[in-house]
Amino acid sequence: MAFQRILIAAAGLLAPVAALAAECGGAVPCGVEDGSYRIEMPASGPPKGVLVFFHGYKSSAELQMQHRALVEVAHAHRLAFAAVDGLNGTWSHPNAPGHYRDEKRFVGHVFDDLETRFGFNAKTTLVGGFSQGASMAWYTLCQQGERTAGAVTFSGVFWDPPPKPQDCVQDMPPVVHIHGSADKTFPLSGRAIGSDFHQGDTFKSIALLRERENCQIETKVEKTVGGIACEVTPDCNRGEVALCIHDGGHQVRPDHLDAALQELGF
């Protein structure tokens, strides 16, 4: 990108953000420091925001973009779909088995690039993820949730030991978390991965989030989102925190994403 800017400057031309945005998208990854992401805009017109999605273990941004049903749901909500690429098919979040890069710094570069290239900012950027990718989304909320407008996550939360509430930024956004009671891969109570690592407990992660967001626990209500029973605390710093539990297994479903985006107001 820097070389292209030099050529443009040498030709006496300006390089607006729209021109820079054309340098990547679709099948062409957007490169940032430490990694890359892929992005696809809705065909219906200018997007009103972007869903930044973290893939599951042993997947990739390229494979995530092939999950067309999820991409099309985002597009139906007039959201661009951005698939972030993990290294070696995994994520190096706190307490993860692998440590290949500083994920907080990398995600910060992705957020910076989304704003520079495409104009997406804290008011128009949502995060989401599945399985270990959902865990990445949770750590992103904890570390830089002030840069996001909401989150929808599936089948993954913090790993043990979880952060303390005061370790997370207070300005975290509304969250809808969807999890299956029959999930054996990332159970609601978590499970051991080898002898040294352990997925976290969903209920403890939700409680931590609600504490940090100053949710009024006594006002929590029962709500149905996309046919799933949810426990919702509406009176938090920036909106509600919803825990929705279905009777299925380890999965991310387009209709559940659709309902969660509606719940978040997108």
Protein backbone atom coordinates (compact mmCIF):
# COMPACT_ATOMS: atom_id res chain seq x y z
CA MET A 1 0.00 0.00 0.00
CA ALA A 2 2.81 2.45 0.84
CA PHE A 3 4.40 1.90 -2.60
CA GLN A 4 1.05 2.57 -4.30
CA ARG A 5 0.65 5.82 -2.36
CA ILE A 6 4.12 6.92 -3.50
CA LEU A 7 3.18 6.29 -7.13
CA ILE A 8 -0.08 8.21 -6.72
CA ALA A 9 1.71 11.13 -5.10
CA ALA A 10 4.35 11.12 -7.83
CA ALA A 11 1.59 11.39 -10.42
CA GLY A 12 0.19 14.43 -8.64
CA LEU A 13 -3.03 12.61 -7.72
CA LEU A 14 -4.91 12.39 -4.46
CA ALA A 15 -5.59 9.05 -2.74
CA PRO A 16 -8.97 9.25 -1.01
CA VAL A 17 -10.15 6.55 1.35
CA ALA A 18 -12.50 5.17 -1.31
CA ALA A 19 -9.56 4.50 -3.60
CA LEU A 20 -7.58 2.81 -0.85
CA ALA A 21 -10.60 0.64 -0.05
CA ALA A 22 -10.50 -0.80 -3.55
CA GLU A 23 -7.11 -2.34 -2.85
CA CYS A 24 -8.65 -5.28 -0.98
CA GLY A 25 -11.96 -7.01 -0.50
CA GLY A 26 -13.68 -10.13 -1.73
CA ALA A 27 -11.01 -12.69 -2.61
CA VAL A 28 -8.20 -10.21 -1.90
CA PRO A 29 -7.16 -10.13 1.80
CA CYS A 30 -6.65 -6.84 3.57
CA GLY A 31 -3.16 -6.87 5.02
CA VAL A 32 -2.38 -5.19 8.34
CA GLU A 33 0.56 -5.38 10.69
CA ASP A 34 0.74 -8.91 12.19
CA GLY A 35 -1.84 -10.47 9.85
CA SER A 36 -4.84 -9.96 7.60
CA TYR A 37 -8.62 -10.14 7.26
CA ARG A 38 -11.09 -10.59 4.44
CA ILE A 39 -14.12 -8.39 3.86
CA GLU A 40 -17.18 -8.44 1.64
CA MET A 41 -19.67 -5.60 1.27
CA PRO A 42 -23.42 -6.06 0.85
CA ALA A 43 -24.60 -5.79 -2.75
CA SER A 44 -27.73 -3.86 -1.73
CA GLY A 45 -25.91 -0.59 -1.18
CA PRO A 46 -23.52 1.20 1.19
CA PRO A 47 -23.12 -0.71 4.48
CA LYS A 48 -24.28 0.81 7.74
CA GLY A 49 -21.68 -1.14 9.68
CA VAL A 50 -19.40 -4.16 9.77
CA LEU A 51 -19.50 -7.51 11.57
CA VAL A 52 -15.95 -8.54 12.46
CA PHE A 53 -16.09 -12.33 12.86
CA PHE A 54 -13.48 -14.60 14.46
CA HIS A 55 -13.43 -18.14 13.04
CA GLY A 56 -13.30 -21.36 15.05
CA TYR A 57 -10.31 -23.61 15.74
CA LYS A 58 -8.55 -25.02 12.66
CA SER A 59 -10.47 -22.71 10.33
CA SER A 60 -9.36 -19.54 8.53
CA ALA A 61 -10.71 -16.28 7.17
CA GLU A 62 -10.91 -17.84 3.71
CA LEU A 63 -12.95 -20.80 4.98
CA GLN A 64 -15.12 -18.50 7.09
CA MET A 65 -16.07 -16.50 4.01
CA GLN A 66 -17.25 -19.75 2.41
CA HIS A 67 -19.92 -20.02 5.11
CA ARG A 68 -22.16 -18.05 2.80
CA ALA A 69 -25.28 -18.24 4.95
CA LEU A 70 -23.62 -16.22 7.72
CA VAL A 71 -22.23 -13.68 5.25
CA GLU A 72 -25.65 -13.29 3.65
CA VAL A 73 -27.32 -12.70 7.02
CA ALA A 74 -24.86 -9.88 7.73
CA HIS A 75 -25.55 -8.45 4.28
CA ALA A 76 -29.30 -8.64 4.86
CA HIS A 77 -28.74 -6.35 7.84
CA ARG A 78 -26.71 -4.02 5.58
CA LEU A 79 -23.50 -5.01 7.33
CA ALA A 80 -20.19 -5.76 5.71
CA PHE A 81 -18.79 -9.13 6.80
CA ALA A 82 -15.13 -9.13 7.85
CA ALA A 83 -13.46 -12.47 8.63
CA VAL A 84 -10.31 -12.08 10.70
CA ASP A 85 -7.51 -14.61 10.08
CA GLY A 86 -5.95 -16.52 12.96
CA LEU A 87 -2.42 -17.90 12.78
CA ASN A 88 -2.00 -21.66 12.39
CA GLY A 89 -5.78 -22.05 12.53
CA THR A 90 -5.96 -20.85 16.11
CA TRP A 91 -5.97 -17.76 18.34
CA SER A 92 -3.40 -16.62 20.89
CA HIS A 93 -5.80 -15.11 23.41
CA PRO A 94 -4.95 -15.23 27.15
CA ASN A 95 -4.72 -18.79 28.52
CA ALA A 96 -4.83 -20.35 25.04
CA PRO A 97 -2.61 -23.37 24.25
CA GLY A 98 -0.79 -21.50 21.47
CA HIS A 99 0.95 -18.13 21.52
CA TYR A 100 1.92 -16.93 18.05
CA ARG A 101 1.27 -13.18 18.19
CA ASP A 102 -0.11 -10.34 20.30
CA GLU A 103 -3.81 -10.65 19.40
CA LYS A 104 -4.83 -7.45 21.16
CA ARG A 105 -2.38 -5.47 19.05
CA PHE A 106 -3.39 -7.33 15.88
CA VAL A 107 -7.12 -6.70 16.41
CA GLY A 108 -6.34 -3.06 17.12
CA HIS A 109 -4.65 -2.88 13.72
CA VAL A 110 -7.72 -4.47 12.12
CA PHE A 111 -10.00 -1.88 13.74
CA ASP A 112 -7.66 0.91 12.61
CA ASP A 113 -7.63 -0.43 9.06
CA LEU A 114 -11.41 -0.83 8.90
CA GLU A 115 -11.75 2.82 9.81
CA THR A 116 -9.00 4.07 7.48
CA ARG A 117 -10.05 2.05 4.44
CA PHE A 118 -13.81 1.84 4.87
CA GLY A 119 -14.87 4.41 7.46
CA PHE A 120 -16.13 1.93 10.09
CA ASN A 121 -15.76 3.24 13.63
CA ALA A 122 -16.77 2.39 17.20
CA LYS A 123 -20.42 3.16 16.47
CA THR A 124 -20.61 0.89 13.42
CA THR A 125 -18.32 -2.04 14.31
CA LEU A 126 -19.76 -5.24 15.74
CA VAL A 127 -17.74 -8.28 16.75
CA GLY A 128 -18.73 -11.92 16.68
CA GLY A 129 -17.21 -15.36 16.70
CA PHE A 130 -17.71 -19.08 17.00
CA SER A 131 -16.07 -21.51 19.46
CA GLN A 132 -12.47 -20.38 20.07
CA GLY A 133 -13.29 -17.43 17.83
CA ALA A 134 -16.05 -16.51 20.27
CA SER A 135 -13.42 -16.56 23.00
CA MET A 136 -11.38 -14.14 20.88
CA ALA A 137 -14.42 -11.87 20.62
CA TRP A 138 -14.82 -11.97 24.43
CA TYR A 139 -11.19 -10.99 25.02
CA THR A 140 -11.58 -8.25 22.41
CA LEU A 141 -14.57 -6.90 24.35
CA CYS A 142 -12.58 -7.05 27.57
CA GLN A 143 -9.49 -5.38 26.12
CA GLN A 144 -10.97 -2.83 23.70
CA GLY A 145 -14.74 -3.03 23.89
CA GLU A 146 -14.97 0.75 23.67
CA ARG A 147 -14.13 0.34 19.98
CA THR A 148 -17.24 -1.74 19.31
CA ALA A 149 -21.00 -1.18 19.14
CA GLY A 150 -22.11 -4.69 20.07
CA ALA A 151 -21.25 -8.38 20.01
CA VAL A 152 -22.89 -11.68 19.14
CA THR A 153 -20.97 -14.82 20.09
CA PHE A 154 -21.56 -18.55 19.76
CA SER A 155 -20.29 -21.47 21.85
CA GLY A 156 -17.23 -19.89 23.46
CA VAL A 157 -16.30 -17.57 26.34
CA PHE A 158 -13.23 -16.71 28.46
CA TRP A 159 -10.72 -19.45 29.32
CA ASP A 160 -9.58 -20.25 32.87
CA PRO A 161 -8.51 -18.37 34.79
CA PRO A 162 -10.84 -15.62 33.51
CA PRO A 163 -9.89 -11.97 33.81
CA LYS A 164 -10.98 -10.06 36.86
CA PRO A 165 -13.75 -7.52 36.18
CA GLN A 166 -11.34 -4.64 36.78
CA ASP A 167 -8.98 -6.07 34.13
CA CYS A 168 -11.56 -5.25 31.44
CA VAL A 169 -12.54 -1.86 30.07
CA GLN A 170 -15.78 -0.63 31.60
CA ASP A 171 -17.16 0.69 28.33
CA MET A 172 -18.15 -2.70 26.88
CA PRO A 173 -21.11 -2.83 24.47
CA PRO A 174 -24.36 -4.84 24.47
CA VAL A 175 -23.77 -8.59 24.04
CA VAL A 176 -25.87 -11.54 22.90
CA HIS A 177 -24.24 -14.89 23.67
CA ILE A 178 -25.76 -18.10 22.27
CA HIS A 179 -24.73 -21.54 23.54
CA GLY A 180 -26.03 -25.10 23.33
CA SER A 181 -26.82 -27.13 26.43
CA ALA A 182 -25.67 -30.27 24.56
CA ASP A 183 -22.36 -28.73 23.45
CA LYS A 184 -19.56 -31.25 24.03
CA THR A 185 -16.78 -29.30 22.29
CA PHE A 186 -17.06 -26.17 24.44
CA PRO A 187 -19.56 -27.15 27.16
CA LEU A 188 -21.40 -24.51 29.12
CA SER A 189 -19.20 -25.36 32.11
CA GLY A 190 -16.04 -25.55 29.97
CA ARG A 191 -13.64 -28.50 29.75
CA ALA A 192 -9.96 -29.33 30.06
CA ILE A 193 -7.77 -29.10 26.96
CA GLY A 194 -4.81 -31.33 27.76
CA SER A 195 -3.35 -31.06 31.25
CA ASP A 196 -2.57 -27.34 31.29
CA PHE A 197 -5.50 -25.49 29.70
CA HIS A 198 -9.18 -25.20 30.46
CA GLN A 199 -12.10 -23.56 28.68
CA GLY A 200 -14.06 -21.29 30.96
CA ASP A 201 -17.51 -21.54 32.50
CA THR A 202 -20.15 -19.68 30.47
CA PHE A 203 -22.16 -18.56 33.51
CA LYS A 204 -19.07 -17.18 35.25
CA SER A 205 -18.06 -15.28 32.12
CA ILE A 206 -21.54 -13.79 31.79
CA ALA A 207 -21.53 -12.83 35.48
CA LEU A 208 -18.14 -11.14 35.05
CA LEU A 209 -19.40 -9.18 32.06
CA ARG A 210 -22.53 -8.08 33.88
CA GLU A 211 -20.53 -7.00 36.91
CA ARG A 212 -18.12 -4.94 34.83
CA GLU A 213 -20.96 -3.33 32.89
CA ASN A 214 -22.74 -2.42 36.14
CA CYS A 215 -25.84 -4.36 35.11
CA GLN A 216 -28.78 -4.26 37.49
CA ILE A 217 -29.09 -7.99 38.11
CA GLU A 218 -32.38 -7.62 39.97
CA THR A 219 -34.03 -6.36 36.78
CA LYS A 220 -33.07 -9.33 34.60
CA VAL A 221 -35.89 -10.62 32.44
CA GLU A 222 -36.69 -13.68 30.37
CA LYS A 223 -36.92 -13.10 26.64
CA THR A 224 -37.12 -15.24 23.51
CA VAL A 225 -34.59 -14.41 20.80
CA GLY A 226 -34.87 -16.40 17.59
CA GLY A 227 -36.86 -19.08 19.37
CA ILE A 228 -34.23 -19.43 22.13
CA ALA A 229 -34.93 -18.72 25.79
CA CYS A 230 -32.65 -15.93 26.99
CA GLU A 231 -31.86 -14.38 30.36
CA VAL A 232 -31.40 -10.66 29.75
CA THR A 233 -30.11 -7.88 31.97
CA PRO A 234 -31.28 -4.68 30.25
CA ASP A 235 -29.89 -2.05 32.63
CA CYS A 236 -26.16 -2.10 31.87
CA ASN A 237 -23.73 0.69 30.97
CA ARG A 238 -24.44 0.57 27.24
CA GLY A 239 -27.34 -1.84 26.82
CA GLU A 240 -28.34 -5.38 27.59
CA VAL A 241 -26.36 -8.56 28.16
CA ALA A 242 -28.24 -11.63 26.98
CA LEU A 243 -27.42 -15.30 27.60
CA CYS A 244 -29.42 -17.51 25.24
CA ILE A 245 -29.28 -21.30 25.68
CA HIS A 246 -30.71 -23.72 23.11
CA ASP A 247 -30.86 -27.51 23.38
CA GLY A 248 -28.43 -28.18 20.52
CA GLY A 249 -24.72 -28.81 20.33
CA HIS A 250 -21.63 -26.95 19.14
CA GLN A 251 -22.96 -24.78 16.34
CA VAL A 252 -23.44 -21.37 14.82
CA ARG A 253 -26.69 -20.95 12.90
CA PRO A 254 -27.61 -18.18 10.43
CA ASP A 255 -31.11 -17.78 11.90
CA HIS A 256 -29.61 -17.32 15.36
CA LEU A 257 -27.24 -14.66 14.00
CA ASP A 258 -30.16 -12.95 12.32
CA ALA A 259 -32.16 -12.86 15.56
CA ALA A 260 -29.18 -11.66 17.60
CA LEU A 261 -28.46 -8.80 15.19
CA GLN A 262 -32.10 -7.76 15.43
CA GLU A 263 -31.85 -7.87 19.22
CA LEU A 264 -28.81 -5.58 19.07
CA GLY A 265 -30.72 -3.14 16.87
CA PHE A 266 -28.79 -3.73 13.64
